[in-house]
N, C-alpha and C. Protein backbone atom coordinates (compact mmCIF):
# COMPACT_ATOMS: atom_id res chain seq x y z
N MET A 1 0.55 -1.07 -0.08
CA MET A 1 -0.05 0.04 0.26
C MET A 1 0.88 1.16 -0.08
N SER A 2 0.77 2.08 -0.87
CA SER A 2 1.52 3.25 -1.24
C SER A 2 0.75 4.40 0.06
N GLU A 3 1.74 5.44 -0.09
CA GLU A 3 0.96 6.59 0.78
C GLU A 3 0.24 7.54 -0.49
N GLU A 4 -0.77 8.39 0.25
CA GLU A 4 -1.52 8.85 -0.56
C GLU A 4 -0.88 10.56 -0.73
N LYS A 5 -0.58 10.99 -1.83
CA LYS A 5 -0.09 12.34 -1.98
C LYS A 5 -1.12 13.36 -2.18
N THR A 6 -0.88 14.35 -1.55
CA THR A 6 -2.16 15.55 -1.28
C THR A 6 -1.73 16.29 -2.67
N ILE A 7 -2.87 16.67 -3.46
CA ILE A 7 -2.78 17.53 -4.64
C ILE A 7 -3.20 18.86 -4.14
N GLU A 8 -4.32 19.10 -3.48
CA GLU A 8 -4.96 20.23 -2.90
C GLU A 8 -5.68 20.09 -1.63
N ARG A 9 -5.21 21.09 -1.13
CA ARG A 9 -6.24 21.01 0.57
C ARG A 9 -6.81 22.32 0.42
N LYS A 10 -8.06 22.02 1.10
CA LYS A 10 -9.05 23.21 1.10
C LYS A 10 -9.61 23.29 2.76
N GLN A 11 -9.35 24.24 3.33
CA GLN A 11 -10.05 24.48 4.58
C GLN A 11 -11.50 24.83 4.63
N ILE A 12 -12.11 24.15 5.34
CA ILE A 12 -13.49 24.16 5.05
C ILE A 12 -14.42 24.82 6.20
N TYR A 13 -13.69 24.62 7.38
CA TYR A 13 -14.36 25.15 8.71
C TYR A 13 -13.00 25.27 9.79
N ASN A 14 -13.11 26.33 10.36
CA ASN A 14 -12.18 26.71 11.24
C ASN A 14 -12.62 26.96 12.80
N GLY A 15 -12.63 26.07 13.71
CA GLY A 15 -13.78 26.13 14.69
C GLY A 15 -12.78 26.56 16.29
N ARG A 16 -13.42 26.37 17.14
CA ARG A 16 -12.36 26.63 18.41
C ARG A 16 -11.77 25.68 18.85
N VAL A 17 -12.14 24.38 18.61
CA VAL A 17 -11.49 23.08 18.87
C VAL A 17 -10.84 22.18 17.60
N VAL A 18 -11.67 22.42 16.91
CA VAL A 18 -11.17 21.61 15.44
C VAL A 18 -11.51 22.38 14.20
N GLN A 19 -10.77 22.02 13.18
CA GLN A 19 -10.77 22.46 11.76
C GLN A 19 -11.23 21.01 11.22
N LEU A 20 -11.92 21.34 9.68
CA LEU A 20 -12.08 20.75 8.90
C LEU A 20 -11.60 20.89 7.53
N ARG A 21 -10.91 20.09 6.94
CA ARG A 21 -10.38 20.13 5.59
C ARG A 21 -10.85 19.45 4.65
N VAL A 22 -10.81 19.57 3.41
CA VAL A 22 -10.82 18.33 2.42
C VAL A 22 -9.53 18.30 1.66
N ASP A 23 -8.79 17.10 1.51
CA ASP A 23 -7.55 17.04 0.84
C ASP A 23 -8.21 16.30 -0.36
N THR A 24 -7.75 16.55 -1.83
CA THR A 24 -7.66 15.96 -2.66
C THR A 24 -6.54 15.10 -2.97
N ILE A 25 -6.43 13.81 -2.83
CA ILE A 25 -5.26 13.09 -3.15
C ILE A 25 -5.28 12.52 -4.46
N SER A 26 -3.96 12.00 -4.76
CA SER A 26 -3.84 11.19 -5.91
C SER A 26 -3.79 9.62 -5.75
N ALA A 27 -4.55 9.10 -6.36
CA ALA A 27 -5.03 7.24 -6.01
C ALA A 27 -4.22 6.54 -7.17
N PRO A 28 -4.04 5.30 -6.81
CA PRO A 28 -3.54 4.49 -7.73
C PRO A 28 -4.14 4.48 -9.26
N GLY A 29 -3.59 4.28 -10.09
CA GLY A 29 -3.94 4.12 -11.43
C GLY A 29 -4.32 5.50 -12.05
N GLY A 30 -3.81 6.88 -11.28
CA GLY A 30 -4.05 8.19 -11.69
C GLY A 30 -4.99 8.84 -11.53
N ARG A 31 -6.26 8.21 -10.78
CA ARG A 31 -7.62 8.49 -10.31
C ARG A 31 -7.23 9.44 -8.88
N THR A 32 -8.16 10.61 -8.76
CA THR A 32 -7.94 11.55 -7.61
C THR A 32 -9.27 10.87 -6.64
N LYS A 33 -9.09 11.20 -5.31
CA LYS A 33 -10.12 11.12 -4.32
C LYS A 33 -9.94 12.39 -3.48
N GLN A 34 -11.03 12.36 -2.37
CA GLN A 34 -11.06 13.26 -1.62
C GLN A 34 -11.16 12.62 -0.26
N ARG A 35 -10.63 13.29 0.59
CA ARG A 35 -10.31 13.03 2.09
C ARG A 35 -10.88 13.96 2.94
N GLU A 36 -11.81 13.81 3.80
CA GLU A 36 -12.51 14.74 4.62
C GLU A 36 -11.60 14.52 6.12
N VAL A 37 -10.88 15.60 6.56
CA VAL A 37 -10.03 15.35 7.76
C VAL A 37 -10.35 16.29 8.58
N VAL A 38 -10.66 15.97 9.96
CA VAL A 38 -11.01 16.59 11.13
C VAL A 38 -9.59 17.10 11.95
N VAL A 39 -8.89 18.38 11.88
CA VAL A 39 -8.08 18.47 12.51
C VAL A 39 -7.88 18.78 13.84
N HIS A 40 -7.17 18.23 14.87
CA HIS A 40 -7.53 18.50 16.27
C HIS A 40 -6.02 18.75 16.95
N PRO A 41 -5.83 19.49 17.73
CA PRO A 41 -4.46 19.84 18.15
C PRO A 41 -3.96 18.61 19.05
N GLY A 42 -4.74 17.80 19.56
CA GLY A 42 -4.38 16.78 20.32
C GLY A 42 -4.91 16.80 21.57
N ALA A 43 -4.70 15.66 22.72
CA ALA A 43 -5.21 15.86 24.01
C ALA A 43 -4.51 14.84 24.95
N ALA A 44 -4.90 15.17 26.12
CA ALA A 44 -4.36 14.22 27.15
C ALA A 44 -5.27 13.88 28.11
N ALA A 45 -5.22 12.61 28.48
CA ALA A 45 -6.14 11.98 29.61
C ALA A 45 -5.32 11.46 30.63
N ILE A 46 -6.20 11.27 31.51
CA ILE A 46 -5.49 10.90 32.91
C ILE A 46 -6.27 9.88 33.83
N VAL A 47 -5.52 8.60 34.12
CA VAL A 47 -6.13 7.65 34.37
C VAL A 47 -5.37 7.75 36.33
N ALA A 48 -6.24 8.52 37.10
CA ALA A 48 -5.62 9.08 38.39
C ALA A 48 -6.01 8.19 39.51
N PHE A 49 -5.09 7.52 40.30
CA PHE A 49 -5.41 6.58 41.60
C PHE A 49 -5.26 7.25 42.87
N ILE A 50 -6.54 6.95 43.58
CA ILE A 50 -6.47 7.25 44.69
C ILE A 50 -6.68 6.17 45.77
N ASN A 51 -5.66 5.64 46.40
CA ASN A 51 -5.98 4.47 47.35
C ASN A 51 -6.62 3.20 46.51
N GLU A 52 -6.04 2.91 45.49
CA GLU A 52 -6.99 1.65 44.67
C GLU A 52 -8.01 2.05 44.01
N GLN A 53 -8.39 3.39 43.83
CA GLN A 53 -9.83 3.80 43.26
C GLN A 53 -9.54 4.84 42.28
N VAL A 54 -9.66 4.51 41.07
CA VAL A 54 -9.82 5.26 40.00
C VAL A 54 -10.96 6.72 40.01
N LEU A 55 -10.39 7.73 39.89
CA LEU A 55 -10.81 9.30 39.66
C LEU A 55 -11.55 9.25 38.30
N LEU A 56 -12.72 9.53 38.26
CA LEU A 56 -13.52 9.63 37.38
C LEU A 56 -14.67 10.99 37.26
N VAL A 57 -14.51 11.12 35.81
CA VAL A 57 -15.74 12.40 35.82
C VAL A 57 -16.75 11.86 34.71
N GLU A 58 -18.31 12.44 35.44
CA GLU A 58 -19.39 12.21 34.74
C GLU A 58 -19.92 13.37 34.01
N GLN A 59 -20.13 13.30 32.69
CA GLN A 59 -20.41 14.45 32.03
C GLN A 59 -21.51 14.25 30.90
N TYR A 60 -22.20 14.88 30.61
CA TYR A 60 -22.80 15.05 29.19
C TYR A 60 -22.39 15.14 27.96
N ARG A 61 -22.44 14.30 27.13
CA ARG A 61 -21.88 14.56 25.88
C ARG A 61 -22.78 14.57 24.69
N LYS A 62 -22.76 15.68 24.36
CA LYS A 62 -23.91 16.22 23.39
C LYS A 62 -23.65 15.31 22.14
N ALA A 63 -22.61 14.83 21.57
CA ALA A 63 -22.21 14.12 20.39
C ALA A 63 -23.09 12.76 20.42
N VAL A 64 -23.19 12.04 21.32
CA VAL A 64 -23.73 10.92 21.75
C VAL A 64 -25.11 10.99 22.86
N GLU A 65 -25.40 12.39 23.20
CA GLU A 65 -26.94 12.28 23.77
C GLU A 65 -26.92 11.59 24.59
N SER A 66 -25.96 11.30 25.42
CA SER A 66 -25.81 10.73 26.84
C SER A 66 -25.03 11.18 28.03
N LYS A 67 -25.14 11.05 29.16
CA LYS A 67 -24.30 11.01 30.34
C LYS A 67 -23.00 9.91 29.98
N THR A 68 -21.57 10.10 30.18
CA THR A 68 -20.75 9.43 30.04
C THR A 68 -20.04 9.51 31.59
N LEU A 69 -19.18 8.36 31.55
CA LEU A 69 -18.44 8.29 32.93
C LEU A 69 -16.90 7.91 32.17
N GLU A 70 -16.08 9.06 32.60
CA GLU A 70 -14.66 9.14 31.78
C GLU A 70 -13.61 9.52 32.72
N ILE A 71 -12.42 8.94 32.13
CA ILE A 71 -11.25 9.74 33.01
C ILE A 71 -10.89 11.00 32.43
N PRO A 72 -10.45 11.87 33.48
CA PRO A 72 -10.22 13.28 33.10
C PRO A 72 -9.56 13.48 31.80
N ALA A 73 -9.70 14.44 30.89
CA ALA A 73 -9.03 14.56 29.77
C ALA A 73 -9.41 15.91 29.22
N GLY A 74 -8.67 16.50 28.25
CA GLY A 74 -8.74 17.81 27.66
C GLY A 74 -7.86 18.01 26.43
N THR A 75 -8.29 19.03 25.66
CA THR A 75 -7.50 19.21 24.67
C THR A 75 -6.29 20.44 24.99
N LEU A 76 -5.16 19.86 24.25
CA LEU A 76 -3.89 20.97 24.01
C LEU A 76 -4.15 22.22 23.95
N GLU A 77 -3.48 22.97 24.49
CA GLU A 77 -3.44 24.25 24.06
C GLU A 77 -2.56 24.65 23.20
N VAL A 78 -2.14 25.94 22.63
CA VAL A 78 -0.98 26.28 21.72
C VAL A 78 0.24 26.19 22.59
N GLY A 79 1.14 25.38 22.25
CA GLY A 79 2.51 25.70 23.03
C GLY A 79 2.41 24.71 24.08
N GLU A 80 1.63 23.86 24.44
CA GLU A 80 1.69 23.17 25.67
C GLU A 80 1.83 21.72 25.39
N SER A 81 2.55 21.00 26.25
CA SER A 81 3.02 19.56 26.01
C SER A 81 2.07 18.51 26.76
N PRO A 82 1.90 17.59 26.14
CA PRO A 82 0.70 16.71 26.69
C PRO A 82 1.12 16.29 28.22
N GLU A 83 1.99 16.48 28.80
CA GLU A 83 2.11 16.10 30.42
C GLU A 83 1.92 17.45 30.84
N GLU A 84 2.16 18.72 30.50
CA GLU A 84 1.45 19.88 30.77
C GLU A 84 -0.20 20.13 31.02
N CYS A 85 -0.58 19.68 29.75
CA CYS A 85 -1.83 19.49 29.71
C CYS A 85 -2.74 18.36 30.65
N ALA A 86 -2.04 17.33 30.66
CA ALA A 86 -2.44 16.53 31.80
C ALA A 86 -2.63 17.19 33.12
N SER A 87 -1.69 17.59 33.58
CA SER A 87 -1.22 18.20 34.71
C SER A 87 -2.62 19.45 34.98
N ARG A 88 -2.64 20.18 34.07
CA ARG A 88 -3.46 21.32 33.97
C ARG A 88 -5.13 20.84 34.01
N GLU A 89 -5.48 19.83 33.20
CA GLU A 89 -6.85 19.12 32.86
C GLU A 89 -7.39 18.50 34.61
N LEU A 90 -6.30 17.83 35.06
CA LEU A 90 -6.52 16.97 36.37
C LEU A 90 -7.03 17.79 37.42
N ILE A 91 -6.37 19.06 37.38
CA ILE A 91 -6.62 20.06 38.27
C ILE A 91 -8.08 20.81 38.08
N GLU A 92 -7.99 21.04 36.74
CA GLU A 92 -9.26 21.78 36.52
C GLU A 92 -10.73 21.04 36.22
N GLU A 93 -10.63 19.56 36.20
CA GLU A 93 -11.60 18.97 36.06
C GLU A 93 -12.08 18.35 37.29
N THR A 94 -11.01 18.25 38.37
CA THR A 94 -11.08 17.43 39.49
C THR A 94 -10.65 18.11 40.71
N GLY A 95 -9.81 19.25 40.56
CA GLY A 95 -9.22 19.66 41.84
C GLY A 95 -7.91 19.04 42.47
N PHE A 96 -7.74 17.85 41.72
CA PHE A 96 -6.43 17.20 42.41
C PHE A 96 -5.29 17.49 41.48
N GLN A 97 -4.12 17.48 42.31
CA GLN A 97 -2.86 17.70 41.61
C GLN A 97 -2.08 16.20 41.91
N ALA A 98 -1.42 15.61 40.65
CA ALA A 98 -0.66 14.63 40.76
C ALA A 98 0.82 14.89 41.27
N ALA A 99 1.55 14.05 42.24
CA ALA A 99 2.77 14.05 42.27
C ALA A 99 3.82 13.58 41.51
N GLN A 100 2.97 12.27 40.43
CA GLN A 100 3.71 11.65 39.56
C GLN A 100 2.85 11.46 38.24
N LEU A 101 3.50 11.67 36.99
CA LEU A 101 2.57 11.30 35.95
C LEU A 101 3.62 10.55 35.17
N ASP A 102 3.07 8.90 34.71
CA ASP A 102 3.79 8.10 33.76
C ASP A 102 2.94 8.10 32.77
N LYS A 103 3.71 8.21 31.38
CA LYS A 103 3.02 7.96 30.17
C LYS A 103 2.36 6.54 29.79
N LEU A 104 1.37 6.41 29.49
CA LEU A 104 1.16 5.03 29.35
C LEU A 104 1.00 4.58 27.88
N VAL A 105 0.55 5.64 27.12
CA VAL A 105 0.08 5.25 25.79
C VAL A 105 -0.18 6.39 24.91
N ALA A 106 0.02 6.58 23.63
CA ALA A 106 -0.63 7.55 22.94
C ALA A 106 -1.61 7.16 21.63
N VAL A 107 -2.42 7.40 21.60
CA VAL A 107 -3.62 6.45 20.79
C VAL A 107 -4.24 7.63 19.52
N PHE A 108 -4.21 7.14 18.26
CA PHE A 108 -5.33 7.78 17.45
C PHE A 108 -6.64 7.17 17.65
N PRO A 109 -7.47 7.83 18.11
CA PRO A 109 -8.62 7.53 18.55
C PRO A 109 -9.43 7.29 16.95
N SER A 110 -9.38 8.06 15.97
CA SER A 110 -10.04 7.96 14.76
C SER A 110 -9.28 8.42 13.56
N PRO A 111 -8.40 7.19 13.41
CA PRO A 111 -7.41 8.11 12.20
C PRO A 111 -7.97 7.67 11.23
N GLY A 112 -9.26 7.42 10.74
CA GLY A 112 -9.76 7.51 9.28
C GLY A 112 -10.44 8.83 9.00
N PHE A 113 -10.65 9.66 9.89
CA PHE A 113 -10.97 10.83 9.49
C PHE A 113 -10.46 12.06 10.44
N SER A 114 -9.40 11.81 11.65
CA SER A 114 -9.17 12.87 12.32
C SER A 114 -7.47 12.65 12.75
N SER A 115 -7.00 13.78 12.53
CA SER A 115 -5.54 13.76 13.04
C SER A 115 -5.20 13.86 14.56
N GLU A 116 -6.26 13.82 15.64
CA GLU A 116 -6.22 13.82 16.75
C GLU A 116 -5.33 12.61 17.71
N THR A 117 -4.45 12.93 18.38
CA THR A 117 -3.41 11.89 19.19
C THR A 117 -3.94 12.26 20.57
N ILE A 118 -4.52 11.15 21.29
CA ILE A 118 -4.43 11.36 22.69
C ILE A 118 -3.41 10.64 23.57
N ASN A 119 -2.87 11.54 24.44
CA ASN A 119 -1.53 10.96 25.08
C ASN A 119 -2.41 10.53 26.64
N ILE A 120 -2.05 9.41 26.92
CA ILE A 120 -2.70 8.85 28.25
C ILE A 120 -1.52 8.64 29.21
N PHE A 121 -1.99 9.19 30.59
CA PHE A 121 -1.26 9.12 31.42
C PHE A 121 -1.79 8.46 32.52
N LYS A 122 -1.09 7.82 33.53
CA LYS A 122 -1.35 7.21 34.89
C LYS A 122 -0.94 8.30 35.90
N ALA A 123 -1.63 8.66 36.64
CA ALA A 123 -1.56 9.82 37.87
C ALA A 123 -1.45 9.21 39.15
N SER A 124 -0.43 9.34 40.06
CA SER A 124 -0.28 8.94 41.46
C SER A 124 -0.02 10.10 42.58
N GLY A 125 -0.09 10.05 43.58
CA GLY A 125 0.19 10.50 44.88
C GLY A 125 -0.79 12.00 44.70
N LEU A 126 -1.98 11.53 44.47
CA LEU A 126 -2.93 12.80 44.20
C LEU A 126 -3.05 13.78 45.57
N THR A 127 -3.25 14.67 45.32
CA THR A 127 -3.38 15.68 46.53
C THR A 127 -4.71 16.69 46.14
N LYS A 128 -5.61 16.93 47.00
CA LYS A 128 -6.68 17.78 46.45
C LYS A 128 -6.01 19.37 46.59
N VAL A 129 -6.30 20.36 45.55
CA VAL A 129 -5.56 21.43 45.66
C VAL A 129 -6.44 22.64 45.34
N ALA A 130 -7.56 22.11 44.84
CA ALA A 130 -8.67 23.21 44.68
C ALA A 130 -10.22 22.75 44.46
N ASP A 131 -11.07 23.43 44.76
CA ASP A 131 -12.48 23.05 44.70
C ASP A 131 -12.70 23.64 43.13
N VAL A 132 -13.55 22.30 42.61
CA VAL A 132 -14.07 22.84 41.12
C VAL A 132 -15.53 23.11 41.37
N GLU A 133 -16.07 23.66 40.15
CA GLU A 133 -17.50 24.04 39.91
C GLU A 133 -17.82 22.62 39.68
N ALA A 134 -19.33 22.67 39.69
CA ALA A 134 -20.29 21.36 39.91
C ALA A 134 -20.49 20.99 38.28
N GLU A 135 -19.73 21.34 37.52
CA GLU A 135 -20.20 21.02 36.17
C GLU A 135 -20.09 19.69 35.79
N LEU A 136 -18.56 19.14 36.62
CA LEU A 136 -18.44 17.50 36.28
C LEU A 136 -18.63 16.85 37.61
N ALA A 137 -19.44 15.93 37.69
CA ALA A 137 -19.45 15.09 38.78
C ALA A 137 -18.24 14.11 38.77
N ILE A 138 -17.71 14.17 40.07
CA ILE A 138 -16.58 13.27 40.20
C ILE A 138 -16.88 12.20 41.21
N ARG A 139 -16.47 10.92 40.54
CA ARG A 139 -16.66 9.71 41.01
C ARG A 139 -15.52 8.69 41.27
N PHE A 140 -15.31 8.23 42.37
CA PHE A 140 -14.19 7.12 42.45
C PHE A 140 -14.86 5.92 42.32
N MET A 141 -13.81 4.92 41.52
CA MET A 141 -14.38 3.64 41.48
C MET A 141 -13.30 2.63 41.71
N ASP A 142 -13.60 1.67 42.09
CA ASP A 142 -12.62 0.34 42.35
C ASP A 142 -12.13 0.02 40.93
N LEU A 143 -10.89 -0.24 40.70
CA LEU A 143 -10.26 -0.62 39.34
C LEU A 143 -11.08 -1.79 39.07
N ASN A 144 -11.28 -3.00 39.89
CA ASN A 144 -11.83 -3.83 39.30
C ASN A 144 -13.17 -3.81 39.03
N ASP A 145 -14.07 -3.02 39.60
CA ASP A 145 -15.39 -2.49 39.15
C ASP A 145 -15.25 -1.97 38.09
N LEU A 146 -14.24 -1.13 37.78
CA LEU A 146 -14.41 -0.33 36.50
C LEU A 146 -14.09 -1.27 35.50
N LEU A 147 -13.29 -2.17 35.51
CA LEU A 147 -12.99 -3.09 34.58
C LEU A 147 -14.13 -3.76 34.17
N ASP A 148 -15.09 -4.17 35.20
CA ASP A 148 -16.36 -4.93 34.84
C ASP A 148 -17.20 -4.04 34.10
N LYS A 149 -17.37 -2.69 34.39
CA LYS A 149 -18.12 -2.08 33.57
C LYS A 149 -17.74 -1.95 32.14
N ILE A 150 -16.55 -1.92 31.88
CA ILE A 150 -15.78 -1.93 30.50
C ILE A 150 -16.32 -3.27 29.87
N ARG A 151 -16.23 -4.48 30.60
CA ARG A 151 -16.37 -5.82 30.10
C ARG A 151 -17.69 -5.96 29.57
N ASN A 152 -18.89 -5.20 30.50
CA ASN A 152 -20.33 -5.35 30.25
C ASN A 152 -20.85 -4.34 29.30
N GLY A 153 -19.70 -3.57 28.82
CA GLY A 153 -20.46 -2.50 27.77
C GLY A 153 -20.96 -1.09 28.53
N GLU A 154 -20.75 -0.90 29.77
CA GLU A 154 -21.39 0.41 30.59
C GLU A 154 -20.53 1.48 30.21
N ILE A 155 -19.21 1.13 30.03
CA ILE A 155 -18.36 2.47 29.74
C ILE A 155 -18.16 1.97 28.12
N LYS A 156 -18.13 3.19 27.64
CA LYS A 156 -18.08 3.09 25.90
C LYS A 156 -17.13 4.26 25.62
N ASP A 157 -16.75 4.88 26.51
CA ASP A 157 -15.42 5.99 25.92
C ASP A 157 -14.15 5.57 25.71
N GLY A 158 -13.71 5.56 24.31
CA GLY A 158 -12.66 4.93 23.94
C GLY A 158 -11.40 5.26 24.78
N LYS A 159 -10.99 6.69 25.25
CA LYS A 159 -10.03 6.80 25.87
C LYS A 159 -9.86 6.08 27.15
N THR A 160 -11.45 6.18 27.71
CA THR A 160 -10.89 5.24 29.30
C THR A 160 -10.72 4.14 29.05
N ILE A 161 -11.54 3.20 28.02
CA ILE A 161 -11.37 1.85 27.97
C ILE A 161 -9.67 1.59 28.00
N ILE A 162 -9.43 2.49 26.96
CA ILE A 162 -7.61 1.88 26.69
C ILE A 162 -7.09 2.48 27.67
N GLY A 163 -7.06 3.26 28.44
CA GLY A 163 -6.20 3.96 29.59
C GLY A 163 -6.52 3.08 31.15
N VAL A 164 -7.88 2.86 31.35
CA VAL A 164 -7.82 1.78 32.24
C VAL A 164 -7.11 0.47 31.93
N MET A 165 -7.53 -0.21 30.80
CA MET A 165 -6.85 -1.39 30.71
C MET A 165 -4.99 -1.19 30.60
N MET A 166 -4.60 -0.08 30.01
CA MET A 166 -3.40 0.21 30.19
C MET A 166 -2.77 0.07 31.38
N ALA A 167 -3.50 1.10 32.44
CA ALA A 167 -3.15 1.38 33.85
C ALA A 167 -3.37 -0.20 34.37
N ALA A 168 -4.30 -0.98 34.51
CA ALA A 168 -4.20 -1.93 34.69
C ALA A 168 -3.20 -3.39 34.50
N THR A 169 -2.71 -3.33 33.31
CA THR A 169 -1.43 -3.89 32.88
C THR A 169 -0.26 -3.36 33.48
N PHE A 170 -0.25 -2.19 33.44
CA PHE A 170 0.85 -1.43 33.93
C PHE A 170 1.18 -1.82 35.50
N CYS A 171 -0.10 -1.69 36.20
CA CYS A 171 -0.14 -2.07 37.80
C CYS A 171 0.34 -3.57 37.67
N THR A 172 -0.18 -4.48 36.95
CA THR A 172 0.41 -5.85 36.97
C THR A 172 1.68 -6.12 36.71
N LEU A 173 2.21 -5.44 35.87
CA LEU A 173 3.61 -5.57 35.52
C LEU A 173 4.50 -5.27 36.65
N GLN A 174 4.07 -4.10 37.59
CA GLN A 174 4.83 -3.52 38.63
C GLN A 174 4.47 -4.46 39.68
N LEU A 175 3.68 -5.10 39.85
CA LEU A 175 3.33 -6.41 40.90
C LEU A 175 4.21 -7.36 40.67
N GLN A 176 4.56 -7.72 39.23
CA GLN A 176 5.43 -8.93 38.96
C GLN A 176 6.61 -8.59 39.05
N ASN A 177 7.11 -7.54 38.91
CA ASN A 177 8.31 -7.28 39.01
C ASN A 177 9.17 -6.95 40.46
N LEU A 178 8.42 -7.07 41.71
CA LEU A 178 8.46 -6.73 42.95
C LEU A 178 9.44 -8.14 43.48
N PRO A 179 10.44 -7.68 44.30
CA PRO A 179 11.47 -8.54 44.91
C PRO A 179 10.58 -9.93 45.60
């Protein structure tokens, strides 16, 4: 499979968080095709632990017309590193600050149409540093209960599923490496 060469790029929409562009590409056999691309600056998400409990936020997501239970996350600001974003978002959404952030993984949630990369971190050593507005409900859940909710389909948010599964693997590997 060969790379697609961009012949033309048109910006269709420029929003607060995303842009939409249409790329005309050269396809095999001399044909051209169009690709619609959502341009996103990237994000950071955090699997934060407090005494074996995972810190989650509950929020209404208009795109899916329902409440979701998710790990804290947010969009990178201009010039901000994923680590800086993770630290900022954790405080803004939950009021907690992490003593340590360990990168678990970076994922492309929808590479078929979006440029977004989500960097997922495990946070530990949490301290309450601020009170946050009640826009997001904060929940604490045992890791095993959260894994059950993922298995039975109650949790559908991709970054949460990937982050929790990676954190569970990370924790298991740490335990296996103890003397």
